[in-house]
Amino acid sequence: MATEKTNKINLDQVRHIALLARLELTADEEQRMLGDLEQMLEYVDKLNELDTAAVEPTAQVGDIGAAMRDDVVATCDDPQSILANAPDAREQMFKVPKIIE
């Protein structure tokens, strides 16, 4: 007896995800995304089959002693050195694109 494959995701769900992600997908891209997401969900199903009863839960995947610098407040007496890294600076200010009309 052949087992029938059931899809875990459909085209409407792909379109909804694309809308939430603000993606404009062509019909071909929607189909490709449908296949990609289906493969991802199948892989998650395989992972769910693993027996993890003996594995302790973890809150992070990196080293506990990850190196971080101290957060130290510092002043800069030379504003020009800061503005030197700006793509556009005028009159000791950062020039940015206008966003409000």
N, C-alpha and C. Protein backbone atom coordinates (compact mmCIF):
# COMPACT_ATOMS: atom_id res chain seq x y z
N MET A 1 0.84 -1.17 0.00
CA MET A 1 0.00 0.00 0.00
C MET A 1 0.89 1.24 0.00
N ALA A 2 0.71 2.12 -0.95
CA ALA A 2 1.51 3.34 -1.04
C ALA A 2 0.96 4.39 -0.07
N THR A 3 1.88 5.08 0.57
CA THR A 3 1.45 6.16 1.47
C THR A 3 1.35 7.44 0.68
N GLU A 4 0.25 8.13 0.90
CA GLU A 4 0.01 9.37 0.18
C GLU A 4 0.64 10.53 0.95
N LYS A 5 1.39 11.34 0.24
CA LYS A 5 2.06 12.48 0.85
C LYS A 5 1.06 13.61 1.05
N THR A 6 1.01 14.12 2.27
CA THR A 6 0.14 15.27 2.54
C THR A 6 1.00 16.50 2.74
N ASN A 7 0.62 17.57 2.10
CA ASN A 7 1.37 18.81 2.22
C ASN A 7 1.07 19.48 3.55
N LYS A 8 2.10 20.00 4.16
CA LYS A 8 1.96 20.69 5.43
C LYS A 8 1.71 22.17 5.23
N ILE A 9 1.89 22.63 4.02
CA ILE A 9 1.72 24.05 3.72
C ILE A 9 1.11 24.16 2.33
N ASN A 10 0.31 25.20 2.13
CA ASN A 10 -0.31 25.38 0.82
C ASN A 10 0.05 26.74 0.25
N LEU A 11 -0.35 26.97 -0.99
CA LEU A 11 0.01 28.19 -1.70
C LEU A 11 -0.56 29.44 -1.02
N ASP A 12 -1.75 29.35 -0.45
CA ASP A 12 -2.31 30.50 0.26
C ASP A 12 -1.45 30.87 1.46
N GLN A 13 -0.92 29.87 2.16
CA GLN A 13 -0.05 30.14 3.30
C GLN A 13 1.27 30.77 2.86
N VAL A 14 1.80 30.31 1.73
CA VAL A 14 3.02 30.90 1.18
C VAL A 14 2.77 32.37 0.85
N ARG A 15 1.64 32.65 0.23
CA ARG A 15 1.30 34.04 -0.11
C ARG A 15 1.14 34.89 1.15
N HIS A 16 0.56 34.32 2.19
CA HIS A 16 0.39 35.05 3.45
C HIS A 16 1.75 35.35 4.08
N ILE A 17 2.64 34.37 4.07
CA ILE A 17 3.99 34.58 4.61
C ILE A 17 4.72 35.66 3.81
N ALA A 18 4.58 35.61 2.49
CA ALA A 18 5.22 36.61 1.64
C ALA A 18 4.66 38.00 1.94
N LEU A 19 3.37 38.09 2.18
CA LEU A 19 2.75 39.37 2.52
C LEU A 19 3.31 39.90 3.84
N LEU A 20 3.41 39.03 4.84
CA LEU A 20 3.95 39.44 6.14
C LEU A 20 5.40 39.88 6.03
N ALA A 21 6.15 39.23 5.14
CA ALA A 21 7.56 39.54 4.96
C ALA A 21 7.77 40.66 3.94
N ARG A 22 6.67 41.18 3.41
CA ARG A 22 6.71 42.25 2.41
C ARG A 22 7.52 41.83 1.18
N LEU A 23 7.28 40.59 0.74
CA LEU A 23 7.94 40.06 -0.45
C LEU A 23 6.96 40.01 -1.61
N GLU A 24 7.40 40.44 -2.76
CA GLU A 24 6.60 40.31 -3.97
C GLU A 24 7.16 39.13 -4.75
N LEU A 25 6.38 38.05 -4.78
CA LEU A 25 6.85 36.83 -5.44
C LEU A 25 6.09 36.61 -6.75
N THR A 26 6.81 36.15 -7.76
CA THR A 26 6.16 35.75 -9.00
C THR A 26 5.52 34.38 -8.76
N ALA A 27 4.72 33.93 -9.71
CA ALA A 27 4.08 32.61 -9.58
C ALA A 27 5.14 31.51 -9.48
N ASP A 28 6.22 31.62 -10.26
CA ASP A 28 7.29 30.63 -10.19
C ASP A 28 7.97 30.65 -8.82
N GLU A 29 8.21 31.86 -8.30
CA GLU A 29 8.84 31.98 -6.99
C GLU A 29 7.93 31.43 -5.88
N GLU A 30 6.63 31.63 -6.02
CA GLU A 30 5.69 31.07 -5.04
C GLU A 30 5.78 29.55 -5.03
N GLN A 31 5.83 28.95 -6.20
CA GLN A 31 5.93 27.49 -6.30
C GLN A 31 7.24 26.98 -5.71
N ARG A 32 8.34 27.70 -6.02
CA ARG A 32 9.64 27.30 -5.49
C ARG A 32 9.66 27.44 -3.96
N MET A 33 9.06 28.53 -3.45
CA MET A 33 9.00 28.75 -2.01
C MET A 33 8.14 27.68 -1.34
N LEU A 34 7.05 27.29 -2.00
CA LEU A 34 6.19 26.23 -1.48
C LEU A 34 7.00 24.94 -1.31
N GLY A 35 7.78 24.59 -2.32
CA GLY A 35 8.62 23.39 -2.24
C GLY A 35 9.69 23.51 -1.16
N ASP A 36 10.33 24.68 -1.08
CA ASP A 36 11.38 24.88 -0.07
C ASP A 36 10.81 24.79 1.34
N LEU A 37 9.69 25.43 1.58
CA LEU A 37 9.08 25.40 2.91
C LEU A 37 8.61 23.99 3.26
N GLU A 38 8.09 23.27 2.28
CA GLU A 38 7.66 21.89 2.51
C GLU A 38 8.86 21.03 2.93
N GLN A 39 10.00 21.21 2.26
CA GLN A 39 11.21 20.46 2.63
C GLN A 39 11.66 20.81 4.05
N MET A 40 11.58 22.08 4.39
CA MET A 40 11.98 22.49 5.75
C MET A 40 11.08 21.84 6.80
N LEU A 41 9.79 21.83 6.53
CA LEU A 41 8.86 21.24 7.49
C LEU A 41 9.05 19.73 7.59
N GLU A 42 9.39 19.07 6.49
CA GLU A 42 9.69 17.64 6.53
C GLU A 42 10.92 17.38 7.39
N TYR A 43 11.92 18.25 7.28
CA TYR A 43 13.14 18.09 8.07
C TYR A 43 12.82 18.29 9.56
N VAL A 44 11.98 19.26 9.88
CA VAL A 44 11.58 19.47 11.28
C VAL A 44 10.86 18.23 11.80
N ASP A 45 10.02 17.61 10.97
CA ASP A 45 9.35 16.37 11.37
C ASP A 45 10.37 15.28 11.70
N LYS A 46 11.43 15.17 10.89
CA LYS A 46 12.48 14.19 11.17
C LYS A 46 13.14 14.49 12.51
N LEU A 47 13.41 15.77 12.77
CA LEU A 47 14.02 16.15 14.05
C LEU A 47 13.10 15.83 15.22
N ASN A 48 11.80 15.98 15.01
CA ASN A 48 10.84 15.69 16.08
C ASN A 48 10.79 14.21 16.42
N GLU A 49 11.28 13.35 15.53
CA GLU A 49 11.30 11.91 15.79
C GLU A 49 12.45 11.51 16.72
N LEU A 50 13.42 12.39 16.90
CA LEU A 50 14.57 12.06 17.75
C LEU A 50 14.17 11.96 19.21
N ASP A 51 14.80 11.01 19.90
CA ASP A 51 14.58 10.85 21.33
C ASP A 51 15.53 11.79 22.06
N THR A 52 14.99 12.85 22.63
CA THR A 52 15.81 13.84 23.33
C THR A 52 15.58 13.79 24.84
N ALA A 53 15.03 12.69 25.34
CA ALA A 53 14.73 12.58 26.76
C ALA A 53 15.97 12.73 27.63
N ALA A 54 17.12 12.26 27.15
CA ALA A 54 18.35 12.31 27.95
C ALA A 54 19.15 13.60 27.71
N VAL A 55 18.65 14.50 26.89
CA VAL A 55 19.36 15.73 26.58
C VAL A 55 18.83 16.85 27.45
N GLU A 56 19.74 17.50 28.18
CA GLU A 56 19.30 18.59 29.05
C GLU A 56 18.97 19.82 28.21
N PRO A 57 17.93 20.55 28.61
CA PRO A 57 17.58 21.78 27.90
C PRO A 57 18.71 22.80 28.00
N THR A 58 18.83 23.62 26.99
CA THR A 58 19.85 24.65 27.00
C THR A 58 19.21 25.99 26.63
N ALA A 59 19.75 27.04 27.19
CA ALA A 59 19.21 28.38 26.92
C ALA A 59 20.02 29.10 25.86
N GLN A 60 21.21 28.59 25.55
CA GLN A 60 22.04 29.23 24.55
C GLN A 60 22.89 28.19 23.86
N VAL A 61 23.37 28.51 22.67
CA VAL A 61 24.16 27.55 21.92
C VAL A 61 25.64 27.90 21.93
N GLY A 62 25.98 29.12 22.30
CA GLY A 62 27.37 29.54 22.33
C GLY A 62 28.01 29.27 23.67
N ASP A 63 29.28 29.60 23.76
CA ASP A 63 30.01 29.44 25.02
C ASP A 63 29.43 30.38 26.07
N ILE A 64 29.35 29.88 27.29
CA ILE A 64 28.85 30.71 28.38
C ILE A 64 29.79 31.88 28.63
N GLY A 65 31.07 31.65 28.46
CA GLY A 65 32.05 32.69 28.72
C GLY A 65 32.40 33.50 27.49
N ALA A 66 31.43 33.77 26.63
CA ALA A 66 31.70 34.53 25.41
C ALA A 66 32.29 35.89 25.79
N ALA A 67 33.35 36.27 25.09
CA ALA A 67 34.05 37.52 25.41
C ALA A 67 33.20 38.72 25.03
N MET A 68 33.05 39.61 25.98
CA MET A 68 32.34 40.88 25.74
C MET A 68 33.14 41.97 26.42
N ARG A 69 33.17 43.10 25.81
CA ARG A 69 33.90 44.22 26.42
C ARG A 69 33.01 44.91 27.44
N ASP A 70 33.62 45.58 28.37
CA ASP A 70 32.86 46.36 29.34
C ASP A 70 32.24 47.56 28.64
N ASP A 71 31.05 47.91 29.04
CA ASP A 71 30.36 49.06 28.49
C ASP A 71 30.82 50.29 29.27
N VAL A 72 31.69 51.06 28.66
CA VAL A 72 32.29 52.21 29.33
C VAL A 72 31.88 53.48 28.61
N VAL A 73 31.40 54.46 29.36
CA VAL A 73 31.05 55.75 28.79
C VAL A 73 32.33 56.52 28.54
N ALA A 74 32.45 57.08 27.35
CA ALA A 74 33.64 57.85 27.00
C ALA A 74 33.21 59.11 26.26
N THR A 75 33.98 60.12 26.40
CA THR A 75 33.70 61.37 25.67
C THR A 75 34.70 61.51 24.54
N CYS A 76 34.30 62.26 23.56
CA CYS A 76 35.18 62.50 22.41
C CYS A 76 35.34 64.00 22.27
N ASP A 77 36.57 64.44 22.34
CA ASP A 77 36.84 65.88 22.24
C ASP A 77 36.95 66.35 20.80
N ASP A 78 36.95 65.39 19.88
CA ASP A 78 37.14 65.76 18.47
C ASP A 78 35.98 65.27 17.62
N PRO A 79 34.92 66.10 17.45
CA PRO A 79 33.78 65.67 16.64
C PRO A 79 34.16 65.33 15.20
N GLN A 80 35.21 65.94 14.68
CA GLN A 80 35.61 65.65 13.30
C GLN A 80 36.04 64.20 13.12
N SER A 81 36.60 63.60 14.16
CA SER A 81 37.00 62.20 14.04
C SER A 81 35.79 61.28 13.93
N ILE A 82 34.69 61.66 14.58
CA ILE A 82 33.45 60.89 14.47
C ILE A 82 32.83 61.10 13.09
N LEU A 83 32.76 62.36 12.66
CA LEU A 83 32.14 62.68 11.38
C LEU A 83 32.96 62.17 10.19
N ALA A 84 34.22 61.84 10.40
CA ALA A 84 35.06 61.34 9.32
C ALA A 84 34.54 60.03 8.75
N ASN A 85 33.78 59.26 9.56
CA ASN A 85 33.24 57.98 9.10
C ASN A 85 31.88 58.11 8.44
N ALA A 86 31.28 59.28 8.46
CA ALA A 86 29.95 59.49 7.91
C ALA A 86 30.02 59.58 6.38
N PRO A 87 29.03 59.01 5.69
CA PRO A 87 29.02 59.15 4.23
C PRO A 87 28.77 60.59 3.80
N ASP A 88 28.06 61.37 4.64
CA ASP A 88 27.80 62.77 4.32
C ASP A 88 27.64 63.54 5.63
N ALA A 89 28.50 64.51 5.85
CA ALA A 89 28.43 65.33 7.06
C ALA A 89 28.58 66.79 6.68
N ARG A 90 27.79 67.64 7.35
CA ARG A 90 27.86 69.08 7.09
C ARG A 90 27.70 69.83 8.40
N GLU A 91 28.54 70.85 8.60
CA GLU A 91 28.47 71.71 9.78
C GLU A 91 28.44 70.91 11.08
N GLN A 92 29.33 69.96 11.22
CA GLN A 92 29.44 69.10 12.39
C GLN A 92 28.16 68.33 12.70
N MET A 93 27.44 67.91 11.64
CA MET A 93 26.23 67.11 11.78
C MET A 93 26.24 66.02 10.71
N PHE A 94 25.55 64.91 11.02
CA PHE A 94 25.35 63.87 10.03
C PHE A 94 24.25 64.29 9.08
N LYS A 95 24.48 64.20 7.78
CA LYS A 95 23.45 64.51 6.80
C LYS A 95 22.77 63.19 6.43
N VAL A 96 21.44 63.17 6.60
CA VAL A 96 20.67 61.97 6.31
C VAL A 96 19.56 62.30 5.33
N PRO A 97 19.03 61.28 4.63
CA PRO A 97 17.94 61.53 3.69
C PRO A 97 16.68 62.01 4.41
N LYS A 98 15.94 62.87 3.76
CA LYS A 98 14.69 63.36 4.31
C LYS A 98 13.67 62.22 4.29
N ILE A 99 12.99 62.00 5.43
CA ILE A 99 12.00 60.93 5.48
C ILE A 99 10.59 61.46 5.75
N ILE A 100 10.47 62.71 6.11
CA ILE A 100 9.17 63.31 6.37
C ILE A 100 8.94 64.42 5.36
N GLU A 101 7.80 64.38 4.72
CA GLU A 101 7.50 65.42 3.73
C GLU A 101 6.72 66.55 4.35
